[in-house]
Amino acid sequence: MQTTRTIPALFALLLLLVPAGLRAQTGLGVSVQGGLTFAAGDEGDNFGTGPNFALRTVVPLSERLAIQTTVGYQELRVRQDNALVSRGYDPSTFRLGGGFMEGGNRRALGALVQGQLHLLPRSGRFSPYVLAGAGISQVRVTDFGIYFLGRWDDEPGTSEIVPAADVGAGVQLRVARVVSFFAQGSYQMLFTEGGSTTMIPGVIGIMIEMGR
């Protein structure tokens, strides 16, 4: 419940931070998006795919350039067998003995400001684009627990606020004067303590352009 309240609040704040002159520009886009986030690099050994969803605005500066602000949530789900092995459990024996585990997922709630460069005019029916940006993210690993043979093995979760950066590409498909669908993928780095967390979110979404 806290996440569902926080994301709209951050989104409203980001929209207010966009200068009034830019907000008034014809074609300001407001969109919702969702998809799947994949673990990248070493994270792939410990975490599997999880969901993502976000809200964003797109402020056009020209037919090719825009500023995009995104606030969203994404999650990587712990690979249970790998987590068990790293803690000295045999997964087959663990399950036969009635063991179970919970938690240990990695969650990120963040805000990004990105530059968007369209390779074809954004007002056209089909427009691919590239983007790059930076922002901040709250990265949280949930409390982790293993129960086996009447004993709990607990690990407390962690939480930190860290800088983030990403690069990516997407394509926008206009289906009406003010309505477009888009698909986008990016490579994100969250600069967590002692290293970095890398994620590859893939999203699809719909955008409504105001004032066109």
Protein backbone atom coordinates (compact mmCIF):
# COMPACT_ATOMS: atom_id res chain seq x y z
CA MET A 1 0.00 0.00 0.00
CA GLN A 2 2.82 2.42 0.77
CA THR A 3 4.28 1.94 -2.72
CA THR A 4 0.96 2.66 -4.44
CA ARG A 5 0.69 5.96 -2.53
CA THR A 6 4.32 6.99 -3.03
CA ILE A 7 4.54 6.62 -6.83
CA PRO A 8 1.68 9.05 -7.70
CA ALA A 9 3.09 11.54 -5.17
CA LEU A 10 6.55 11.40 -6.75
CA PHE A 11 5.01 11.67 -10.21
CA ALA A 12 3.08 14.81 -9.25
CA LEU A 13 6.22 16.33 -7.73
CA LEU A 14 8.26 15.65 -10.87
CA LEU A 15 5.58 17.20 -13.05
CA LEU A 16 5.63 20.33 -10.87
CA LEU A 17 9.42 20.51 -11.14
CA VAL A 18 9.19 20.76 -14.95
CA PRO A 19 9.39 24.49 -15.78
CA ALA A 20 5.97 26.00 -16.53
CA GLY A 21 7.08 27.06 -20.01
CA LEU A 22 7.89 23.49 -20.91
CA ARG A 23 4.70 22.09 -19.37
CA ALA A 24 2.72 24.46 -21.57
CA GLN A 25 4.29 23.15 -24.76
CA THR A 26 1.98 21.47 -27.24
CA GLY A 27 2.24 17.71 -27.08
CA LEU A 28 3.14 17.18 -23.40
CA GLY A 29 2.81 13.42 -22.97
CA VAL A 30 1.56 11.59 -19.88
CA SER A 31 1.87 7.82 -19.88
CA VAL A 32 1.60 4.61 -17.89
CA GLN A 33 3.83 1.61 -18.54
CA GLY A 34 4.54 -1.84 -17.22
CA GLY A 35 6.57 -4.91 -18.01
CA LEU A 36 9.28 -7.21 -16.75
CA THR A 37 12.70 -6.48 -15.27
CA PHE A 38 15.58 -8.89 -15.86
CA ALA A 39 18.67 -9.21 -13.70
CA ALA A 40 21.94 -8.35 -15.44
CA GLY A 41 25.54 -9.33 -14.75
CA ASP A 42 26.27 -11.11 -11.49
CA GLU A 43 22.75 -10.30 -10.30
CA GLY A 44 21.49 -12.98 -12.68
CA ASP A 45 22.99 -15.69 -10.46
CA ASN A 46 20.97 -14.55 -7.46
CA PHE A 47 17.81 -13.00 -8.85
CA GLY A 48 15.22 -13.84 -11.49
CA THR A 49 12.71 -11.80 -13.45
CA GLY A 50 10.21 -9.57 -11.67
CA PRO A 51 7.52 -7.00 -12.51
CA ASN A 52 7.85 -3.28 -13.11
CA PHE A 53 5.42 -0.41 -13.54
CA ALA A 54 5.85 3.35 -13.84
CA LEU A 55 4.32 6.71 -14.66
CA ARG A 56 6.10 9.22 -16.84
CA THR A 57 5.86 12.56 -18.60
CA VAL A 58 7.44 13.45 -21.93
CA VAL A 59 8.09 17.15 -22.58
CA PRO A 60 8.82 17.80 -26.29
CA LEU A 61 11.54 20.31 -27.10
CA SER A 62 11.41 19.74 -30.87
CA GLU A 63 10.37 17.06 -33.35
CA ARG A 64 13.45 15.06 -32.39
CA LEU A 65 14.25 15.99 -28.78
CA ALA A 66 12.30 15.57 -25.54
CA ILE A 67 12.82 15.41 -21.78
CA GLN A 68 11.33 12.36 -20.11
CA THR A 69 10.71 12.04 -16.37
CA THR A 70 9.87 8.62 -14.96
CA VAL A 71 8.92 7.39 -11.50
CA GLY A 72 8.45 3.69 -11.03
CA TYR A 73 8.81 0.47 -9.13
CA GLN A 74 10.60 -2.70 -10.15
CA GLU A 75 11.50 -5.96 -8.49
CA LEU A 76 13.96 -8.82 -8.91
CA ARG A 77 12.86 -12.07 -7.29
CA VAL A 78 15.39 -14.21 -5.48
CA ARG A 79 16.40 -17.50 -7.08
CA GLN A 80 15.49 -19.85 -4.28
CA ASP A 81 17.73 -22.79 -5.19
CA ASN A 82 20.78 -20.55 -5.49
CA ALA A 83 19.95 -18.87 -2.19
CA LEU A 84 19.68 -22.27 -0.49
CA VAL A 85 22.97 -23.56 -1.92
CA SER A 86 24.83 -20.38 -0.90
CA ARG A 87 23.69 -21.00 2.68
CA GLY A 88 24.71 -24.65 2.76
CA TYR A 89 21.36 -26.32 2.07
CA ASP A 90 20.74 -29.03 -0.51
CA PRO A 91 17.54 -27.96 -2.34
CA SER A 92 16.21 -31.53 -2.77
CA THR A 93 16.76 -32.45 0.88
CA PHE A 94 15.36 -29.09 1.94
CA ARG A 95 12.07 -29.68 0.15
CA LEU A 96 11.76 -33.32 1.21
CA GLY A 97 12.19 -32.16 4.79
CA GLY A 98 9.30 -29.72 4.46
CA GLY A 99 11.47 -26.61 4.41
CA PHE A 100 10.34 -23.31 2.98
CA MET A 101 11.75 -19.84 2.49
CA GLU A 102 10.33 -16.37 2.07
CA GLY A 103 11.54 -12.86 1.22
CA GLY A 104 14.94 -11.92 -0.11
CA ASN A 105 13.62 -10.05 -3.16
CA ARG A 106 15.29 -6.86 -4.38
CA ARG A 107 12.98 -3.90 -4.94
CA ALA A 108 13.69 -0.47 -6.35
CA LEU A 109 11.50 2.65 -6.23
CA GLY A 110 13.08 5.42 -8.23
CA ALA A 111 12.86 8.63 -10.23
CA LEU A 112 14.78 9.33 -13.45
CA VAL A 113 15.18 12.36 -15.71
CA GLN A 114 16.14 11.32 -19.23
CA GLY A 115 16.95 12.91 -22.55
CA GLN A 116 15.06 11.38 -25.46
CA LEU A 117 16.33 11.59 -29.06
CA HIS A 118 13.95 10.48 -31.82
CA LEU A 119 15.56 9.12 -34.97
CA LEU A 120 12.44 10.07 -36.96
CA PRO A 121 10.03 12.94 -36.25
CA ARG A 122 8.07 12.13 -33.10
CA SER A 123 4.82 13.33 -34.71
CA GLY A 124 5.04 10.58 -37.32
CA ARG A 125 3.21 7.27 -37.10
CA PHE A 126 6.38 5.31 -36.33
CA SER A 127 9.29 6.84 -34.43
CA PRO A 128 12.24 4.96 -32.88
CA TYR A 129 14.23 6.74 -30.18
CA VAL A 130 17.21 6.43 -27.85
CA LEU A 131 17.48 7.79 -24.33
CA ALA A 132 19.89 8.32 -21.45
CA GLY A 133 19.41 9.72 -17.98
CA ALA A 134 20.11 9.74 -14.27
CA GLY A 135 18.23 9.93 -11.01
CA ILE A 136 17.85 8.40 -7.57
CA SER A 137 16.42 5.14 -6.31
CA GLN A 138 15.54 3.52 -3.02
CA VAL A 139 16.88 -0.05 -3.20
CA ARG A 140 15.49 -2.49 -0.69
CA VAL A 141 16.18 -6.17 -0.07
CA THR A 142 13.26 -7.66 1.87
CA ASP A 143 13.69 -9.66 5.07
CA PHE A 144 14.81 -13.20 4.26
CA GLY A 145 13.83 -16.30 6.17
CA ILE A 146 14.44 -20.06 5.86
CA TYR A 147 12.52 -22.62 7.89
CA PHE A 148 13.93 -26.16 8.04
CA LEU A 149 13.54 -28.98 10.58
CA GLY A 150 11.87 -26.77 13.14
CA ARG A 151 14.44 -23.96 12.97
CA TRP A 152 14.30 -20.47 11.47
CA ASP A 153 17.33 -18.93 9.77
CA ASP A 154 16.62 -15.20 9.49
CA GLU A 155 18.42 -12.36 7.73
CA PRO A 156 17.22 -8.76 8.14
CA GLY A 157 16.51 -6.75 5.01
CA THR A 158 18.42 -3.67 3.89
CA SER A 159 17.44 -0.34 2.40
CA GLU A 160 19.47 2.51 0.90
CA ILE A 161 18.93 5.53 -1.34
CA VAL A 162 21.42 5.57 -4.20
CA PRO A 163 22.17 7.36 -7.48
CA ALA A 164 21.03 5.66 -10.67
CA ALA A 165 21.80 5.93 -14.39
CA ASP A 166 20.38 4.30 -17.49
CA VAL A 167 20.60 4.11 -21.27
CA GLY A 168 18.05 2.58 -23.58
CA ALA A 169 16.03 2.60 -26.78
CA GLY A 170 12.41 2.30 -27.77
CA VAL A 171 9.84 2.79 -30.47
CA GLN A 172 6.68 4.90 -30.47
CA LEU A 173 3.63 4.00 -32.59
CA ARG A 174 1.00 6.70 -33.03
CA VAL A 175 -2.51 5.26 -33.31
CA ALA A 176 -4.48 8.52 -33.03
CA ARG A 177 -3.81 12.24 -32.96
CA VAL A 178 -3.13 12.25 -29.20
CA VAL A 179 -2.63 8.54 -28.45
CA SER A 180 0.56 6.50 -28.91
CA PHE A 181 1.75 3.09 -27.84
CA PHE A 182 5.41 2.48 -27.09
CA ALA A 183 7.82 -0.30 -26.24
CA GLN A 184 11.15 0.39 -24.53
CA GLY A 185 14.13 -1.41 -23.07
CA SER A 186 16.99 0.01 -21.02
CA TYR A 187 20.06 -0.92 -19.04
CA GLN A 188 20.04 0.55 -15.54
CA MET A 189 22.77 0.79 -12.93
CA LEU A 190 21.97 1.50 -9.29
CA PHE A 191 25.15 2.45 -7.43
CA THR A 192 24.57 0.50 -4.22
CA GLU A 193 27.03 0.28 -1.34
CA GLY A 194 30.01 -1.92 -2.17
CA GLY A 195 29.22 -2.18 -5.88
CA SER A 196 26.28 -1.74 -8.21
CA THR A 197 22.98 -3.39 -9.02
CA THR A 198 22.21 -3.78 -12.71
CA MET A 199 18.74 -4.30 -14.16
CA ILE A 200 17.24 -4.52 -17.65
CA PRO A 201 13.62 -3.34 -17.59
CA GLY A 202 11.52 -4.00 -20.67
CA VAL A 203 8.22 -2.09 -20.83
CA ILE A 204 5.19 -1.40 -22.97
CA GLY A 205 2.84 1.50 -22.39
CA ILE A 206 0.36 4.03 -23.66
CA MET A 207 0.86 7.80 -23.86
CA ILE A 208 -1.71 10.59 -24.09
CA GLU A 209 -0.48 13.91 -25.48
CA MET A 210 -2.13 17.04 -24.10
CA GLY A 211 -2.93 20.12 -26.11
CA ARG A 212 -2.26 18.69 -29.56
